[in-house]
Amino acid sequence: MLMVAGLTRWVHLFAAVVWLGGLFFYALVLRPSLAEIDPGNARRLMQIASMRFRAVSTACLALLLFSGLWLISQILGGVAIQDAFFSTPYRRILGLKILLSSIAIAVGMWVGFVLAPRLVVALENRDEAVVRSTGRAITVLTISGFVLGVAITACVAVMRVFS
C-alpha cells in the first residue's frame, strides 16, 4: 500500500508540474510571442498549439482529479461529517485546496472543451473578431488557472506545516 501511495503522489505532483508549467508557457510566452510573427503563421501556430495543449492539459487535469481523490480518501480515512472534516487546520487548508482545485478544473474544462474548439473554428473561418475575443478569454482564463495553481501549491506548503 505504501508503494501505491508513493506512486499516486508522484503522479499527482508530475501532473501538477506539467499543467502549471504549460499554463505558464502558454499565457506568458506563447501568446505574447504571436504578435511578433506573421498573422497567418501566428494563426496556424495558435491552432496547432491550442489542440496539443488541450490534450496535455486535459490529461493532466484528469490525473490530478483521480490521484487527488484517491489521496483525499487516504487522508480523511472515512470522515463523514462536516465538523470532523474541518476539525484541524490541516483539514481546513485541505478544504480550501479542494475548493481551489475544483475551480481550476472547471476553468480548465471550459477553456479546453469550449473556448479552444471555438478558437480553432474561428481560425479556420478567418473570423478575426471571434479569434481576438476568444484568444483574450483564453489568455485571461489561462492566467487565472495559473494563479489558482500557485494558490493550490501554497495550500500544499501550508498543509506541510500542519502535517
C-alpha atoms as a PDB file:
ATOM      1  CA  MET A   1       0.000   0.000   0.000  1.00  0.00           C
ATOM      2  CA  LEU A   2       2.913   2.336   0.738  1.00  0.00           C
ATOM      3  CA  MET A   3       4.181   1.862  -2.832  1.00  0.00           C
ATOM      4  CA  VAL A   4       0.751   2.735  -4.272  1.00  0.00           C
ATOM      5  CA  ALA A   5       0.594   5.887  -2.121  1.00  0.00           C
ATOM      6  CA  GLY A   6       4.073   6.956  -3.234  1.00  0.00           C
ATOM      7  CA  LEU A   7       3.304   6.314  -6.895  1.00  0.00           C
ATOM      8  CA  THR A   8      -0.006   8.185  -6.631  1.00  0.00           C
ATOM      9  CA  ARG A   9       1.711  11.177  -5.004  1.00  0.00           C
ATOM     10  CA  TRP A  10       4.346  11.170  -7.750  1.00  0.00           C
ATOM     11  CA  VAL A  11       1.659  11.077 -10.484  1.00  0.00           C
ATOM     12  CA  HIS A  12      -0.202  13.918  -8.730  1.00  0.00           C
ATOM     13  CA  LEU A  13       2.933  16.046  -8.451  1.00  0.00           C
ATOM     14  CA  PHE A  14       4.058  15.301 -12.018  1.00  0.00           C
ATOM     15  CA  ALA A  15       0.646  16.217 -13.448  1.00  0.00           C
ATOM     16  CA  ALA A  16       0.617  19.445 -11.417  1.00  0.00           C
ATOM     17  CA  VAL A  17       4.076  20.450 -12.624  1.00  0.00           C
ATOM     18  CA  VAL A  18       3.256  19.737 -16.277  1.00  0.00           C
ATOM     19  CA  TRP A  19      -0.112  21.519 -16.037  1.00  0.00           C
ATOM     20  CA  LEU A  20       1.258  24.612 -14.271  1.00  0.00           C
ATOM     21  CA  GLY A  21       4.330  24.782 -16.499  1.00  0.00           C
ATOM     22  CA  GLY A  22       2.145  24.506 -19.576  1.00  0.00           C
ATOM     23  CA  LEU A  23      -0.165  27.272 -18.364  1.00  0.00           C
ATOM     24  CA  PHE A  24       2.818  29.490 -17.623  1.00  0.00           C
ATOM     25  CA  PHE A  25       4.366  28.902 -21.042  1.00  0.00           C
ATOM     26  CA  TYR A  26       1.081  29.286 -22.909  1.00  0.00           C
ATOM     27  CA  ALA A  27      -0.028  32.513 -21.216  1.00  0.00           C
ATOM     28  CA  LEU A  28       3.262  34.299 -20.690  1.00  0.00           C
ATOM     29  CA  VAL A  29       5.466  33.081 -23.545  1.00  0.00           C
ATOM     30  CA  LEU A  30       3.488  31.688 -26.491  1.00  0.00           C
ATOM     31  CA  ARG A  31       0.524  34.091 -26.633  1.00  0.00           C
ATOM     32  CA  PRO A  32       2.622  37.289 -26.379  1.00  0.00           C
ATOM     33  CA  SER A  33       5.116  35.916 -28.922  1.00  0.00           C
ATOM     34  CA  LEU A  34       2.431  35.519 -31.570  1.00  0.00           C
ATOM     35  CA  ALA A  35       2.310  39.301 -32.032  1.00  0.00           C
ATOM     36  CA  GLU A  36       5.909  39.154 -33.281  1.00  0.00           C
ATOM     37  CA  ILE A  37       5.252  36.879 -36.277  1.00  0.00           C
ATOM     38  CA  ASP A  38       3.229  36.999 -39.473  1.00  0.00           C
ATOM     39  CA  PRO A  39      -0.541  36.836 -38.699  1.00  0.00           C
ATOM     40  CA  GLY A  40      -1.065  33.806 -40.960  1.00  0.00           C
ATOM     41  CA  ASN A  41       1.733  31.895 -39.261  1.00  0.00           C
ATOM     42  CA  ALA A  42       0.519  33.078 -35.855  1.00  0.00           C
ATOM     43  CA  ARG A  43      -2.960  31.689 -36.587  1.00  0.00           C
ATOM     44  CA  ARG A  44      -1.589  28.326 -37.662  1.00  0.00           C
ATOM     45  CA  LEU A  45       0.787  28.111 -34.700  1.00  0.00           C
ATOM     46  CA  MET A  46      -2.022  29.009 -32.299  1.00  0.00           C
ATOM     47  CA  GLN A  47      -4.269  26.370 -33.844  1.00  0.00           C
ATOM     48  CA  ILE A  48      -1.638  23.644 -33.509  1.00  0.00           C
ATOM     49  CA  ALA A  49      -0.520  24.713 -30.023  1.00  0.00           C
ATOM     50  CA  SER A  50      -4.114  25.003 -28.760  1.00  0.00           C
ATOM     51  CA  MET A  51      -5.003  21.486 -29.840  1.00  0.00           C
ATOM     52  CA  ARG A  52      -1.813  19.973 -28.416  1.00  0.00           C
ATOM     53  CA  PHE A  53      -2.071  21.907 -25.174  1.00  0.00           C
ATOM     54  CA  ARG A  54      -5.714  20.894 -24.861  1.00  0.00           C
ATOM     55  CA  ALA A  55      -4.730  17.223 -24.991  1.00  0.00           C
ATOM     56  CA  VAL A  56      -1.899  17.624 -22.478  1.00  0.00           C
ATOM     57  CA  SER A  57      -3.860  19.789 -20.058  1.00  0.00           C
ATOM     58  CA  THR A  58      -6.920  17.524 -20.200  1.00  0.00           C
ATOM     59  CA  ALA A  59      -4.764  14.503 -19.402  1.00  0.00           C
ATOM     60  CA  CYS A  60      -3.077  16.376 -16.540  1.00  0.00           C
ATOM     61  CA  LEU A  61      -6.386  17.558 -15.102  1.00  0.00           C
ATOM     62  CA  ALA A  62      -7.748  14.012 -15.237  1.00  0.00           C
ATOM     63  CA  LEU A  63      -4.637  12.666 -13.490  1.00  0.00           C
ATOM     64  CA  LEU A  64      -4.848  15.431 -10.878  1.00  0.00           C
ATOM     65  CA  LEU A  65      -8.529  14.759 -10.260  1.00  0.00           C
ATOM     66  CA  PHE A  66      -8.274  10.990  -9.866  1.00  0.00           C
ATOM     67  CA  SER A  67      -4.994  10.931  -7.953  1.00  0.00           C
ATOM     68  CA  GLY A  68      -6.246  13.781  -5.759  1.00  0.00           C
ATOM     69  CA  LEU A  69      -9.479  11.974  -4.950  1.00  0.00           C
ATOM     70  CA  TRP A  70      -7.541   8.846  -4.011  1.00  0.00           C
ATOM     71  CA  LEU A  71      -5.123  10.844  -1.845  1.00  0.00           C
ATOM     72  CA  ILE A  72      -8.013  12.626  -0.108  1.00  0.00           C
ATOM     73  CA  SER A  73      -9.680   9.298   0.619  1.00  0.00           C
ATOM     74  CA  GLN A  74      -6.463   8.136   2.288  1.00  0.00           C
ATOM     75  CA  ILE A  75      -6.026  11.352   4.292  1.00  0.00           C
ATOM     76  CA  LEU A  76      -9.582  11.571   5.575  1.00  0.00           C
ATOM     77  CA  GLY A  77      -9.984   7.876   6.277  1.00  0.00           C
ATOM     78  CA  GLY A  78     -13.755   7.806   6.478  1.00  0.00           C
ATOM     79  CA  VAL A  79     -14.560  11.247   7.883  1.00  0.00           C
ATOM     80  CA  ALA A  80     -18.270  11.560   7.254  1.00  0.00           C
ATOM     81  CA  ILE A  81     -19.457  14.775   8.857  1.00  0.00           C
ATOM     82  CA  GLN A  82     -18.618  18.364   8.033  1.00  0.00           C
ATOM     83  CA  ASP A  83     -17.497  19.257  11.566  1.00  0.00           C
ATOM     84  CA  ALA A  84     -14.943  16.455  11.591  1.00  0.00           C
ATOM     85  CA  PHE A  85     -13.694  17.406   8.130  1.00  0.00           C
ATOM     86  CA  PHE A  86     -12.869  20.951   9.248  1.00  0.00           C
ATOM     87  CA  SER A  87     -11.679  19.916  12.729  1.00  0.00           C
ATOM     88  CA  THR A  88      -7.977  20.717  12.230  1.00  0.00           C
ATOM     89  CA  PRO A  89      -6.024  23.482  10.478  1.00  0.00           C
ATOM     90  CA  TYR A  90      -4.621  20.847   8.104  1.00  0.00           C
ATOM     91  CA  ARG A  91      -8.095  19.767   7.063  1.00  0.00           C
ATOM     92  CA  ARG A  92      -9.334  23.351   6.694  1.00  0.00           C
ATOM     93  CA  ILE A  93      -6.447  24.107   4.318  1.00  0.00           C
ATOM     94  CA  LEU A  94      -7.180  20.823   2.541  1.00  0.00           C
ATOM     95  CA  GLY A  95     -10.780  22.012   2.121  1.00  0.00           C
ATOM     96  CA  LEU A  96      -9.520  25.276   0.604  1.00  0.00           C
ATOM     97  CA  LYS A  97      -7.214  23.302  -1.704  1.00  0.00           C
ATOM     98  CA  ILE A  98     -10.162  21.161  -2.820  1.00  0.00           C
ATOM     99  CA  LEU A  99     -12.258  24.274  -3.499  1.00  0.00           C
ATOM    100  CA  LEU A 100      -9.475  25.978  -5.488  1.00  0.00           C
ATOM    101  CA  SER A 101      -8.792  22.734  -7.371  1.00  0.00           C
ATOM    102  CA  SER A 102     -12.458  22.395  -8.296  1.00  0.00           C
ATOM    103  CA  ILE A 103     -12.471  25.929  -9.672  1.00  0.00           C
ATOM    104  CA  ALA A 104      -9.215  25.302 -11.576  1.00  0.00           C
ATOM    105  CA  ILE A 105     -10.607  22.103 -13.093  1.00  0.00           C
ATOM    106  CA  ALA A 106     -13.801  23.902 -14.136  1.00  0.00           C
ATOM    107  CA  VAL A 107     -11.769  26.729 -15.730  1.00  0.00           C
ATOM    108  CA  GLY A 108      -9.546  24.186 -17.495  1.00  0.00           C
ATOM    109  CA  MET A 109     -12.523  22.258 -18.811  1.00  0.00           C
ATOM    110  CA  TRP A 110     -14.170  25.482 -20.074  1.00  0.00           C
ATOM    111  CA  VAL A 111     -11.010  26.522 -21.899  1.00  0.00           C
ATOM    112  CA  GLY A 112     -10.296  23.040 -23.247  1.00  0.00           C
ATOM    113  CA  PHE A 113     -13.761  21.968 -24.310  1.00  0.00           C
ATOM    114  CA  VAL A 114     -15.497  25.258 -25.139  1.00  0.00           C
ATOM    115  CA  LEU A 115     -13.033  28.038 -25.924  1.00  0.00           C
ATOM    116  CA  ALA A 116     -10.233  26.073 -27.642  1.00  0.00           C
ATOM    117  CA  PRO A 117     -12.593  24.435 -30.169  1.00  0.00           C
ATOM    118  CA  ARG A 118     -14.273  27.836 -30.717  1.00  0.00           C
ATOM    119  CA  LEU A 119     -10.849  29.343 -31.426  1.00  0.00           C
ATOM    120  CA  VAL A 120      -9.968  26.595 -33.903  1.00  0.00           C
ATOM    121  CA  VAL A 121     -13.228  27.103 -35.811  1.00  0.00           C
ATOM    122  CA  ALA A 122     -12.724  30.876 -35.830  1.00  0.00           C
ATOM    123  CA  LEU A 123      -9.167  30.432 -37.113  1.00  0.00           C
ATOM    124  CA  GLU A 124     -10.336  28.120 -39.877  1.00  0.00           C
ATOM    125  CA  ASN A 125     -13.108  30.561 -40.835  1.00  0.00           C
ATOM    126  CA  ARG A 126     -10.721  33.522 -40.566  1.00  0.00           C
ATOM    127  CA  ASP A 127     -13.184  35.285 -38.255  1.00  0.00           C
ATOM    128  CA  GLU A 128     -10.820  37.856 -36.753  1.00  0.00           C
ATOM    129  CA  ALA A 129     -13.315  39.274 -34.241  1.00  0.00           C
ATOM    130  CA  VAL A 130     -14.028  35.849 -32.733  1.00  0.00           C
ATOM    131  CA  VAL A 131     -10.320  34.931 -32.846  1.00  0.00           C
ATOM    132  CA  ARG A 132      -9.430  38.071 -30.873  1.00  0.00           C
ATOM    133  CA  SER A 133     -12.220  37.804 -28.298  1.00  0.00           C
ATOM    134  CA  THR A 134     -11.762  34.067 -27.778  1.00  0.00           C
ATOM    135  CA  GLY A 135      -7.990  34.467 -27.628  1.00  0.00           C
ATOM    136  CA  ARG A 136      -8.333  37.141 -24.956  1.00  0.00           C
ATOM    137  CA  ALA A 137     -10.733  34.968 -22.964  1.00  0.00           C
ATOM    138  CA  ILE A 138      -8.352  32.012 -23.201  1.00  0.00           C
ATOM    139  CA  THR A 139      -5.440  34.175 -22.085  1.00  0.00           C
ATOM    140  CA  VAL A 140      -7.338  35.597 -19.100  1.00  0.00           C
ATOM    141  CA  LEU A 141      -8.595  32.176 -18.029  1.00  0.00           C
ATOM    142  CA  THR A 142      -5.191  30.584 -18.566  1.00  0.00           C
ATOM    143  CA  ILE A 143      -3.563  33.198 -16.351  1.00  0.00           C
ATOM    144  CA  SER A 144      -6.381  32.671 -13.831  1.00  0.00           C
ATOM    145  CA  GLY A 145      -5.712  28.931 -13.920  1.00  0.00           C
ATOM    146  CA  PHE A 146      -2.030  29.569 -13.326  1.00  0.00           C
ATOM    147  CA  VAL A 147      -2.811  31.843 -10.354  1.00  0.00           C
ATOM    148  CA  LEU A 148      -5.154  29.174  -8.973  1.00  0.00           C
ATOM    149  CA  GLY A 149      -2.380  26.601  -9.415  1.00  0.00           C
ATOM    150  CA  VAL A 150       0.039  28.787  -7.476  1.00  0.00           C
ATOM    151  CA  ALA A 151      -2.583  29.219  -4.726  1.00  0.00           C
ATOM    152  CA  ILE A 152      -3.114  25.446  -4.617  1.00  0.00           C
ATOM    153  CA  THR A 153       0.652  24.975  -4.327  1.00  0.00           C
ATOM    154  CA  ALA A 154       0.700  27.499  -1.471  1.00  0.00           C
ATOM    155  CA  CYS A 155      -2.019  25.462   0.253  1.00  0.00           C
ATOM    156  CA  VAL A 156       0.197  22.389  -0.021  1.00  0.00           C
ATOM    157  CA  ALA A 157       3.089  24.290   1.557  1.00  0.00           C
ATOM    158  CA  VAL A 158       0.862  25.433   4.438  1.00  0.00           C
ATOM    159  CA  MET A 159      -0.519  21.907   4.844  1.00  0.00           C
ATOM    160  CA  ARG A 160       3.044  20.636   5.283  1.00  0.00           C
ATOM    161  CA  VAL A 161       3.386  22.964   8.294  1.00  0.00           C
ATOM    162  CA  PHE A 162       0.335  21.375   9.934  1.00  0.00           C
ATOM    163  CA  SER A 163       1.058  17.744   8.999  1.00  0.00           C
END
